[in-house]
Amino acid sequence: MITNIKSYIKTNKLFAFVAMIALVMSSCEIDKSLNDNPNEITLADVDARLFLNGAMLANTQVQVGHLNRISAMFSGQNIGFTSLYSNIYTYALTADESNDEWNAAYVGVTTNARYIRNAAPDDKLLVGIAKVLEANAIGTLAILMGDVPYSEIGTDVEDPKFDTQKTVLASLSSLLDEAIADLTAASSRNESFDIVFNGDKSKWIEAAYTLKARYALIQSDYSAALSAANNGISSSAGDMMYHPRGDAAINSGDKNLFYTLLAGSRTGDIGNAGSYLLKMLNPAESVYRGNAKTNELARHNYYMIDENSASGNTGVAHQFESQPFATYSENQLIKAEAAARTSGFAAGLSNLNTYRAWLATGGRLNSTHDVSANYKYDAYVEADFTSGGMENADGVTKEVALLREILEERYISLYGSYGPFNDHRRLRGDGETNLIVPFPLNTQAASKHVERFPYAQSEKNSNSNVPVIADQDALYTKTEVNK
């Protein structure tokens, strides 16, 4: 198995290997006319569309897999109870934990995406989608780890250099601009190999803008974030998600990755019972965030994970519950924060209330937890944020009180994504600790918050250009955008 990127795009044999993975993983019926003689199949005989499934499923691992669950443990949202996750919960994290996501991003996503671009350059829909997927996968690694290889991957360079975090994010933002142009020139079509949006170019364009907004936000470029988000995901119908496609009747096929973990060897190892996240949503807890205008019981029940029984989960860890890559929630809350910072209090409040109006319709809740008696999100008014208002008991300025509420809402709404982990690092880097959700550290012995994930051990073993950072120091060394 190839796990390092130094030779990930070298030969047709590798492409064929990845192609076969795509065929196996696609769960789609293969057109038997692709090649009349299966003993003489070549890479050129494989429909470029077949690489789309491989890229999308690999991106699922990057976005909502192992590192995502760990980031939530470092953000007060998940808890590691036993075994491996118990050790990681108390910051005993080694470089081996990054191997799968690293491999998925560079081999599973980028190799497939670039083959699509080379094999079908005139199919602007496929090319645009491929560029969005590459930007999503590599951008996630860059945000989590800092400097990563990008400009020299896919070349004859044996040991690709690690480009700076800001350089990579700038390159990916440009790639997203290219994707938007490609998709704008394309025509939507029913595309069964697109397991995210089924070939809807408008949804891919909006997702690309939301990723551009994310990359601007992580760099505290609020004007650029607002500009991109204004064209981003405009409704929950456009959410970029992993949709498990298994068959409940015969218990087969793709499943929610948290469910899969708990249904396997990790039963009891990780969940969120007793987490700061659930305490904020529990009316019986002292840190409950509800008030006369807000009832969080439904979200508490939807987010609650039974770590001891996969089959007992009916919310975020249900076997067929979708998992977020980029969503309306993220986009609208980028708009709320960026507008509050650049356009003033009224603009920020308006965008927040637009989001609360959506929550008041049931929001992200699934049918099991969409019980209207258990949620309420009435609109806020300016007086709620002035000194002494329901969202300003400590007498800060109304602008600070509003930003604090928006960032708290991001902490709650973006559970299941890297958003809360990224926000906390950004705010600490900007010295805005007054806006941080005050979740406690995971161990009394710890005195620092985690700042980054370590580089994959597989890459450290094979690439002489990996930055020399000791594993333990790597956890607490700030990345370029957060210094």
Protein backbone atom coordinates (compact mmCIF):
# COMPACT_ATOMS: atom_id res chain seq x y z
CA MET A 1 0.00 0.00 0.00
CA ILE A 2 1.38 3.39 -0.95
CA THR A 3 1.06 5.76 1.97
CA ASN A 4 3.58 8.50 1.18
CA ILE A 5 3.14 11.09 -1.56
CA LYS A 6 6.63 11.07 -3.08
CA SER A 7 5.60 8.55 -5.71
CA TYR A 8 1.81 8.80 -5.56
CA ILE A 9 1.35 9.83 -9.17
CA LYS A 10 4.23 8.06 -10.90
CA THR A 11 2.96 5.29 -13.10
CA ASN A 12 -0.05 3.91 -14.88
CA LYS A 13 0.12 0.91 -12.61
CA LEU A 14 -0.65 3.13 -9.65
CA PHE A 15 -3.44 4.84 -11.54
CA ALA A 16 -4.89 1.46 -12.45
CA PHE A 17 -4.64 0.39 -8.82
CA VAL A 18 -6.53 3.47 -7.70
CA ALA A 19 -9.03 2.95 -10.50
CA MET A 20 -9.78 -0.53 -9.27
CA ILE A 21 -10.27 0.83 -5.75
CA ALA A 22 -12.73 3.30 -7.20
CA LEU A 23 -14.58 0.52 -8.96
CA VAL A 24 -14.80 -1.61 -5.85
CA MET A 25 -15.82 1.27 -3.58
CA SER A 26 -18.34 2.84 -5.90
CA SER A 27 -21.23 0.50 -5.10
CA CYS A 28 -22.41 1.38 -8.61
CA GLU A 29 -23.12 -0.89 -11.52
CA ILE A 30 -20.19 -0.93 -13.96
CA ASP A 31 -20.86 -0.42 -17.65
CA LYS A 32 -19.80 -3.71 -19.24
CA SER A 33 -19.00 -1.93 -22.48
CA LEU A 34 -16.02 -0.19 -20.92
CA ASN A 35 -13.77 -2.92 -22.28
CA ASP A 36 -14.66 -5.95 -24.34
CA ASN A 37 -11.71 -7.94 -23.07
CA PRO A 38 -11.14 -7.61 -19.31
CA ASN A 39 -7.76 -9.29 -19.71
CA GLU A 40 -6.53 -6.35 -21.81
CA ILE A 41 -7.97 -3.47 -19.81
CA THR A 42 -5.83 -0.33 -19.73
CA LEU A 43 -6.21 2.86 -17.78
CA ALA A 44 -7.51 4.63 -20.87
CA ASP A 45 -10.42 2.16 -20.98
CA VAL A 46 -11.69 3.21 -17.56
CA ASP A 47 -14.39 5.87 -17.57
CA ALA A 48 -13.09 8.97 -15.75
CA ARG A 49 -16.36 9.11 -13.83
CA LEU A 50 -15.40 5.92 -11.99
CA PHE A 51 -12.60 7.81 -10.24
CA LEU A 52 -15.14 10.19 -8.75
CA ASN A 53 -16.44 7.69 -6.20
CA GLY A 54 -12.93 6.87 -5.03
CA ALA A 55 -12.11 10.54 -4.51
CA MET A 56 -15.36 11.23 -2.67
CA LEU A 57 -15.12 8.25 -0.36
CA ALA A 58 -11.50 9.06 0.44
CA ASN A 59 -12.54 12.62 1.22
CA THR A 60 -15.08 11.22 3.65
CA GLN A 61 -12.22 9.72 5.66
CA VAL A 62 -10.41 13.07 5.67
CA GLN A 63 -13.42 15.12 6.72
CA VAL A 64 -15.31 12.93 9.21
CA GLY A 65 -12.93 10.13 10.13
CA HIS A 66 -10.42 9.48 12.92
CA LEU A 67 -8.82 12.94 13.13
CA ASN A 68 -12.22 14.59 13.13
CA ARG A 69 -13.28 12.60 16.19
CA ILE A 70 -9.99 13.46 17.88
CA SER A 71 -10.39 17.18 17.15
CA ALA A 72 -13.73 17.06 18.95
CA MET A 73 -12.03 15.50 21.98
CA PHE A 74 -9.59 18.43 22.00
CA SER A 75 -12.56 20.83 21.77
CA GLY A 76 -14.58 19.61 24.74
CA GLN A 77 -17.13 17.83 22.54
CA ASN A 78 -16.11 14.15 22.60
CA ILE A 79 -14.59 12.06 25.39
CA GLY A 80 -12.23 9.12 25.09
CA PHE A 81 -13.34 6.62 27.70
CA THR A 82 -11.06 3.61 27.25
CA SER A 83 -8.23 2.08 25.19
CA LEU A 84 -6.72 4.11 22.33
CA TYR A 85 -9.16 6.99 22.59
CA SER A 86 -8.61 7.30 26.33
CA ASN A 87 -4.90 7.81 25.70
CA ILE A 88 -5.49 10.33 22.94
CA TYR A 89 -8.02 12.17 25.10
CA THR A 90 -5.22 12.90 27.55
CA TYR A 91 -3.00 14.15 24.70
CA ALA A 92 -0.96 10.96 24.13
CA LEU A 93 -1.19 11.38 20.37
CA THR A 94 1.45 9.93 18.03
CA ALA A 95 2.15 10.56 14.36
CA ASP A 96 0.67 7.18 13.43
CA GLU A 97 -2.83 8.55 14.08
CA SER A 98 -2.48 10.85 11.03
CA ASN A 99 -1.57 8.10 8.56
CA ASP A 100 -5.05 7.29 7.27
CA GLU A 101 -6.15 10.87 6.64
CA TRP A 102 -2.81 11.73 5.02
CA ASN A 103 -3.05 8.75 2.70
CA ALA A 104 -6.70 9.44 1.94
CA ALA A 105 -6.03 13.08 1.02
CA TYR A 106 -2.92 12.62 -1.12
CA VAL A 107 -3.56 9.22 -2.67
CA GLY A 108 -7.30 8.65 -2.39
CA VAL A 109 -8.50 12.16 -3.25
CA THR A 110 -5.75 13.96 -5.16
CA THR A 111 -4.64 11.05 -7.36
CA ASN A 112 -8.20 10.32 -8.43
CA ALA A 113 -9.08 14.01 -8.83
CA ARG A 114 -6.06 14.74 -11.01
CA TYR A 115 -6.67 11.72 -13.16
CA ILE A 116 -10.20 12.99 -13.82
CA ARG A 117 -8.83 16.39 -14.81
CA ASN A 118 -6.27 14.83 -17.18
CA ALA A 119 -8.54 12.17 -18.66
CA ALA A 120 -11.65 14.32 -19.24
CA PRO A 121 -10.44 17.93 -19.59
CA ASP A 122 -13.47 18.95 -21.62
CA ASP A 123 -15.98 17.65 -19.09
CA LYS A 124 -16.16 20.83 -17.06
CA LEU A 125 -18.57 19.33 -14.54
CA LEU A 126 -16.19 16.51 -13.62
CA VAL A 127 -13.15 18.79 -13.69
CA GLY A 128 -14.81 21.34 -11.45
CA ILE A 129 -15.94 18.73 -8.95
CA ALA A 130 -12.45 17.19 -8.91
CA LYS A 131 -10.90 20.56 -8.09
CA VAL A 132 -13.33 21.17 -5.23
CA LEU A 133 -12.55 17.75 -3.76
CA GLU A 134 -8.79 18.33 -3.96
CA ALA A 135 -9.13 21.75 -2.34
CA ASN A 136 -11.29 20.31 0.43
CA ALA A 137 -8.93 17.45 1.25
CA ILE A 138 -5.57 19.23 1.07
CA GLY A 139 -7.01 22.35 2.71
CA THR A 140 -8.14 20.29 5.68
CA LEU A 141 -4.63 18.89 6.20
CA ALA A 142 -3.08 22.35 5.84
CA ILE A 143 -5.43 23.84 8.42
CA LEU A 144 -4.87 20.97 10.85
CA MET A 145 -1.11 20.55 10.47
CA GLY A 146 0.38 23.74 9.04
CA ASP A 147 2.92 23.49 6.22
CA VAL A 148 2.18 20.58 3.87
CA PRO A 149 3.40 19.41 0.44
CA TYR A 150 1.47 20.81 -2.49
CA SER A 151 3.39 22.58 -5.27
CA GLU A 152 5.67 19.58 -5.95
CA ILE A 153 3.21 16.71 -5.57
CA GLY A 154 2.53 14.84 -8.78
CA THR A 155 5.95 15.73 -10.17
CA ASP A 156 9.20 13.81 -10.53
CA VAL A 157 10.49 15.28 -7.27
CA GLU A 158 11.30 12.36 -4.97
CA ASP A 159 10.80 14.26 -1.70
CA PRO A 160 8.23 17.04 -2.22
CA LYS A 161 8.87 20.17 -0.21
CA PHE A 162 6.46 21.38 2.45
CA ASP A 163 4.92 24.66 1.30
CA THR A 164 3.93 27.18 3.93
CA GLN A 165 0.40 26.94 5.29
CA LYS A 166 -0.59 30.34 3.91
CA THR A 167 0.87 29.54 0.49
CA VAL A 168 -1.09 26.29 0.30
CA LEU A 169 -4.34 27.95 1.35
CA ALA A 170 -3.80 30.68 -1.25
CA SER A 171 -3.16 28.05 -3.93
CA LEU A 172 -6.29 26.16 -2.94
CA SER A 173 -8.38 29.31 -2.98
CA SER A 174 -7.16 29.89 -6.54
CA LEU A 175 -7.99 26.26 -7.37
CA LEU A 176 -11.50 26.87 -6.08
CA ASP A 177 -11.76 29.93 -8.35
CA GLU A 178 -10.85 27.64 -11.25
CA ALA A 179 -13.45 25.13 -10.10
CA ILE A 180 -16.12 27.82 -9.96
CA ALA A 181 -15.25 28.93 -13.50
CA ASP A 182 -15.32 25.33 -14.75
CA LEU A 183 -18.63 24.59 -13.07
CA THR A 184 -20.16 27.83 -14.30
CA ALA A 185 -19.31 26.77 -17.85
CA ALA A 186 -20.66 23.25 -17.28
CA SER A 187 -24.16 21.86 -17.53
CA SER A 188 -25.79 20.00 -14.65
CA ARG A 189 -26.73 16.41 -15.36
CA ASN A 190 -27.85 13.37 -13.43
CA GLU A 191 -24.51 11.90 -12.42
CA SER A 192 -24.80 8.71 -10.39
CA PHE A 193 -21.06 8.66 -9.70
CA ASP A 194 -21.41 11.98 -7.88
CA ILE A 195 -22.59 10.65 -4.52
CA VAL A 196 -22.69 14.14 -2.99
CA PHE A 197 -24.80 16.30 -5.32
CA ASN A 198 -25.70 13.95 -8.22
CA GLY A 199 -24.24 16.32 -10.80
CA ASP A 200 -25.91 19.55 -9.61
CA LYS A 201 -23.36 22.19 -10.61
CA SER A 202 -25.06 24.98 -8.65
CA LYS A 203 -24.58 23.11 -5.38
CA TRP A 204 -20.93 22.45 -6.18
CA ILE A 205 -20.39 26.14 -6.93
CA GLU A 206 -21.89 27.16 -3.61
CA ALA A 207 -19.79 24.55 -1.79
CA ALA A 208 -16.65 25.93 -3.45
CA TYR A 209 -17.48 29.43 -2.22
CA THR A 210 -18.07 28.13 1.31
CA LEU A 211 -14.63 26.48 1.28
CA LYS A 212 -13.11 29.78 0.11
CA ALA A 213 -14.89 31.49 3.01
CA ARG A 214 -13.54 28.87 5.43
CA TYR A 215 -9.97 29.37 4.25
CA ALA A 216 -10.30 33.14 4.60
CA LEU A 217 -11.86 32.83 8.05
CA ILE A 218 -9.09 30.60 9.40
CA GLN A 219 -6.69 33.40 8.42
CA SER A 220 -8.87 36.03 10.13
CA ASP A 221 -9.48 37.72 6.76
CA TYR A 222 -13.05 38.63 7.55
CA SER A 223 -13.73 40.78 4.50
CA ALA A 224 -12.72 37.97 2.15
CA ALA A 225 -14.64 35.45 4.24
CA LEU A 226 -17.83 37.52 4.00
CA SER A 227 -17.41 38.08 0.27
CA ALA A 228 -17.08 34.35 -0.40
CA ALA A 229 -19.81 33.33 2.05
CA ASN A 230 -22.27 35.68 0.34
CA ASN A 231 -22.06 33.27 -2.62
CA GLY A 232 -21.78 30.13 -0.50
CA ILE A 233 -24.21 27.42 0.57
CA SER A 234 -27.52 29.22 0.76
CA SER A 235 -29.78 26.54 2.23
CA SER A 236 -29.45 23.18 3.96
CA ALA A 237 -30.54 21.54 0.69
CA GLY A 238 -27.08 22.45 -0.59
CA ASP A 239 -25.14 20.91 2.30
CA MET A 240 -22.02 19.05 1.19
CA MET A 241 -22.33 15.84 3.18
CA TYR A 242 -21.38 12.21 3.31
CA HIS A 243 -24.64 10.33 2.79
CA PRO A 244 -24.41 6.66 3.87
CA ARG A 245 -26.08 4.59 1.17
CA GLY A 246 -26.37 1.23 2.86
CA ASP A 247 -29.43 -0.98 3.04
CA ALA A 248 -31.04 -1.00 6.48
CA ALA A 249 -33.13 -4.07 5.73
CA ILE A 250 -30.12 -6.32 5.15
CA ASN A 251 -27.66 -4.27 7.22
CA SER A 252 -25.19 -3.80 4.38
CA GLY A 253 -23.40 -0.99 2.57
CA ASP A 254 -22.02 2.35 3.69
CA LYS A 255 -22.68 3.51 7.24
CA ASN A 256 -22.12 6.64 9.33
CA LEU A 257 -18.44 6.49 10.35
CA PHE A 258 -19.11 7.07 14.05
CA TYR A 259 -21.67 4.26 13.99
CA THR A 260 -19.21 2.00 12.16
CA LEU A 261 -16.57 2.66 14.81
CA LEU A 262 -18.92 1.84 17.69
CA ALA A 263 -20.31 -1.21 15.90
CA GLY A 264 -16.80 -2.61 15.57
CA SER A 265 -13.95 -3.03 18.00
CA ARG A 266 -14.30 0.42 19.60
CA THR A 267 -17.58 -0.09 21.44
CA GLY A 268 -17.38 1.90 24.66
CA ASP A 269 -14.14 3.68 23.71
CA ILE A 270 -15.40 7.10 22.58
CA GLY A 271 -18.57 9.14 22.87
CA ASN A 272 -19.76 12.43 24.32
CA ALA A 273 -21.64 11.62 27.54
CA GLY A 274 -20.57 14.20 30.12
CA SER A 275 -18.88 16.43 27.55
CA TYR A 276 -18.93 20.21 27.80
CA LEU A 277 -20.92 20.27 24.56
CA LEU A 278 -23.79 18.27 26.01
CA LYS A 279 -23.69 20.19 29.28
CA MET A 280 -24.20 23.42 27.32
CA LEU A 281 -27.32 21.88 25.79
CA ASN A 282 -28.72 20.32 28.97
CA PRO A 283 -31.23 22.47 30.91
CA ALA A 284 -30.19 20.69 34.12
CA GLU A 285 -26.56 21.89 33.89
CA SER A 286 -25.18 25.15 35.26
CA VAL A 287 -23.51 25.98 31.91
CA TYR A 288 -26.74 25.53 29.92
CA ARG A 289 -26.85 28.11 27.14
CA GLY A 290 -30.63 28.29 26.84
CA ASN A 291 -32.70 31.30 27.84
CA ALA A 292 -36.19 32.72 27.41
CA LYS A 293 -35.71 32.68 23.65
CA THR A 294 -33.75 29.45 23.31
CA ASN A 295 -34.59 25.82 24.11
CA GLU A 296 -31.75 23.37 23.35
CA LEU A 297 -33.25 20.07 24.52
CA ALA A 298 -33.78 18.75 20.98
CA ARG A 299 -30.18 19.37 19.96
CA HIS A 300 -28.99 17.80 23.19
CA ASN A 301 -30.90 14.62 22.38
CA TYR A 302 -29.84 14.63 18.72
CA TYR A 303 -26.15 15.07 19.55
CA MET A 304 -26.08 12.52 22.38
CA ILE A 305 -24.06 9.42 21.50
CA ASP A 306 -24.46 6.05 23.19
CA GLU A 307 -20.88 4.78 23.18
CA ASN A 308 -21.87 1.34 24.47
CA SER A 309 -24.35 0.37 21.76
CA ALA A 310 -24.08 1.48 18.15
CA SER A 311 -27.62 0.32 17.44
CA GLY A 312 -28.97 2.50 20.23
CA ASN A 313 -28.02 5.73 18.46
CA THR A 314 -30.81 7.70 16.83
CA GLY A 315 -29.06 11.05 16.25
CA VAL A 316 -25.66 12.08 14.89
CA ALA A 317 -24.31 8.54 15.19
CA HIS A 318 -27.27 6.73 13.63
CA GLN A 319 -26.10 4.24 11.03
CA PHE A 320 -27.52 6.23 8.11
CA GLU A 321 -27.15 9.78 9.47
CA SER A 322 -25.33 12.09 7.09
CA GLN A 323 -22.07 13.74 8.17
CA PRO A 324 -20.94 17.28 7.27
CA PHE A 325 -18.16 18.42 4.93
CA ALA A 326 -19.38 21.99 4.33
CA THR A 327 -22.86 23.20 5.25
CA TYR A 328 -25.38 26.01 5.34
CA SER A 329 -24.77 26.19 9.09
CA GLU A 330 -21.08 26.90 8.58
CA ASN A 331 -21.68 29.35 5.76
CA GLN A 332 -24.40 31.34 7.51
CA LEU A 333 -22.39 31.59 10.72
CA ILE A 334 -19.34 32.74 8.76
CA LYS A 335 -21.58 35.47 7.40
CA ALA A 336 -22.78 36.35 10.88
CA GLU A 337 -19.30 36.61 12.38
CA ALA A 338 -17.64 38.28 9.40
CA ALA A 339 -20.49 40.77 9.01
CA ALA A 340 -20.38 41.64 12.70
CA ARG A 341 -16.63 42.29 12.43
CA THR A 342 -16.66 44.24 9.17
CA SER A 343 -20.12 45.78 8.79
CA GLY A 344 -21.20 46.30 12.38
CA PHE A 345 -23.55 45.02 15.04
CA ALA A 346 -26.80 45.24 13.04
CA ALA A 347 -25.42 43.25 10.12
CA GLY A 348 -24.09 40.53 12.39
CA LEU A 349 -27.34 40.27 14.34
CA SER A 350 -29.40 40.06 11.15
CA ASN A 351 -27.35 37.14 9.87
CA LEU A 352 -27.51 35.39 13.24
CA ASN A 353 -31.30 35.77 13.35
CA THR A 354 -31.57 34.36 9.82
CA TYR A 355 -29.78 31.29 11.08
CA ARG A 356 -31.93 31.05 14.21
CA ALA A 357 -35.03 31.21 12.04
CA TRP A 358 -33.75 28.12 10.23
CA LEU A 359 -33.06 26.38 13.55
CA ALA A 360 -36.65 27.19 14.53
CA THR A 361 -37.86 25.02 11.63
CA GLY A 362 -36.03 21.98 12.99
CA GLY A 363 -32.66 22.83 11.49
CA ARG A 364 -30.22 19.93 11.35
CA LEU A 365 -32.43 17.61 13.43
CA ASN A 366 -33.52 14.34 11.89
CA SER A 367 -37.10 13.08 12.01
CA THR A 368 -36.58 11.25 15.30
CA HIS A 369 -35.53 14.41 17.13
CA ASP A 370 -37.56 17.02 15.27
CA VAL A 371 -39.93 17.51 18.21
CA SER A 372 -41.03 21.14 18.18
CA ALA A 373 -41.73 21.20 21.91
CA ASN A 374 -38.03 20.57 22.52
CA TYR A 375 -36.61 23.54 20.64
CA LYS A 376 -37.11 27.28 20.35
CA TYR A 377 -34.97 29.91 18.65
CA ASP A 378 -36.75 33.24 18.76
CA ALA A 379 -35.08 36.24 17.16
CA TYR A 380 -32.72 38.29 19.29
CA VAL A 381 -32.93 42.08 19.52
CA GLU A 382 -30.27 44.64 20.29
CA ALA A 383 -31.35 44.93 23.93
CA ASP A 384 -30.47 41.28 24.48
CA PHE A 385 -26.81 42.16 23.94
CA THR A 386 -26.54 45.47 25.73
CA SER A 387 -25.23 45.48 29.30
CA GLY A 388 -27.58 43.49 31.52
CA GLY A 389 -29.38 41.85 28.59
CA MET A 390 -30.00 38.11 28.47
CA GLU A 391 -26.81 37.62 26.43
CA ASN A 392 -24.69 40.14 28.35
CA ALA A 393 -24.74 39.48 32.07
CA ASP A 394 -21.14 40.60 32.56
CA GLY A 395 -21.40 44.08 31.06
CA VAL A 396 -19.21 43.79 27.97
CA THR A 397 -19.94 45.85 24.88
CA LYS A 398 -22.86 44.75 22.74
CA GLU A 399 -20.43 44.01 19.89
CA VAL A 400 -18.41 41.61 22.04
CA ALA A 401 -21.57 40.02 23.43
CA LEU A 402 -22.86 39.38 19.90
CA LEU A 403 -19.58 37.89 18.69
CA ARG A 404 -19.48 35.68 21.76
CA GLU A 405 -22.96 34.37 20.96
CA ILE A 406 -22.11 33.77 17.30
CA LEU A 407 -18.96 31.84 18.17
CA GLU A 408 -20.84 29.85 20.80
CA GLU A 409 -23.40 29.00 18.14
CA ARG A 410 -20.61 27.89 15.81
CA TYR A 411 -19.29 25.66 18.59
CA ILE A 412 -22.69 23.98 18.90
CA SER A 413 -23.80 23.91 15.26
CA LEU A 414 -20.51 22.75 13.75
CA TYR A 415 -20.21 19.65 15.91
CA GLY A 416 -19.11 16.82 13.64
CA SER A 417 -16.76 19.08 11.67
CA TYR A 418 -13.35 20.59 12.39
CA GLY A 419 -14.93 24.03 12.86
CA PRO A 420 -14.85 24.22 16.68
CA PHE A 421 -11.21 23.07 16.82
CA ASN A 422 -10.25 25.61 14.15
CA ASP A 423 -12.15 28.45 15.81
CA HIS A 424 -10.52 27.87 19.17
CA ARG A 425 -7.02 27.99 17.69
CA ARG A 426 -7.87 31.08 15.62
CA LEU A 427 -9.24 33.01 18.58
CA ARG A 428 -6.30 32.10 20.78
CA GLY A 429 -3.91 33.16 18.06
CA ASP A 430 -5.68 36.51 17.73
CA GLY A 431 -5.67 37.04 21.48
CA GLU A 432 -9.48 37.00 21.63
CA THR A 433 -9.76 34.68 24.60
CA ASN A 434 -12.84 36.60 25.76
CA LEU A 435 -14.74 35.03 22.84
CA ILE A 436 -13.67 31.43 23.48
CA VAL A 437 -16.12 28.79 24.68
CA PRO A 438 -14.52 27.91 28.05
CA PHE A 439 -14.39 24.12 27.87
CA PRO A 440 -11.87 22.63 30.33
CA LEU A 441 -8.66 20.84 29.43
CA ASN A 442 -8.89 17.06 29.38
CA THR A 443 -6.42 16.38 32.18
CA GLN A 444 -5.29 18.20 35.28
CA ALA A 445 -1.68 17.67 34.20
CA ALA A 446 -2.18 19.60 30.96
CA SER A 447 -1.43 23.28 30.83
CA LYS A 448 -1.79 23.93 27.11
CA HIS A 449 -4.35 23.46 24.37
CA VAL A 450 -3.56 21.40 21.29
CA GLU A 451 -2.55 23.59 18.33
CA ARG A 452 -2.02 21.11 15.51
CA PHE A 453 -1.98 17.47 14.48
CA PRO A 454 1.36 15.72 13.86
CA TYR A 455 2.50 14.85 10.37
CA ALA A 456 1.79 11.27 9.31
CA GLN A 457 4.41 8.78 10.39
CA SER A 458 4.29 7.22 6.93
CA GLU A 459 5.44 10.51 5.42
CA LYS A 460 8.06 11.08 8.09
CA ASN A 461 9.50 7.68 7.23
CA SER A 462 9.85 8.45 3.53
CA ASN A 463 10.24 12.19 2.92
CA SER A 464 13.40 13.95 4.07
CA ASN A 465 11.64 17.32 3.82
CA VAL A 466 9.17 16.70 6.64
CA PRO A 467 9.68 19.54 9.15
CA VAL A 468 11.56 18.32 12.20
CA ILE A 469 9.10 18.76 15.06
CA ALA A 470 9.03 16.29 17.93
CA ASP A 471 5.65 14.59 18.19
CA GLN A 472 4.80 16.02 21.58
CA ASP A 473 5.99 19.52 20.70
CA ALA A 474 4.02 19.36 17.46
CA LEU A 475 0.78 19.25 19.39
CA TYR A 476 1.43 22.61 21.02
CA THR A 477 3.31 24.48 18.27
CA LYS A 478 1.05 27.03 16.57
CA THR A 479 0.58 26.87 12.82
CA GLU A 480 1.43 29.88 10.66
CA VAL A 481 -2.10 31.30 10.51
CA ASN A 482 -2.54 31.20 14.29
CA LYS A 483 0.75 32.75 15.42
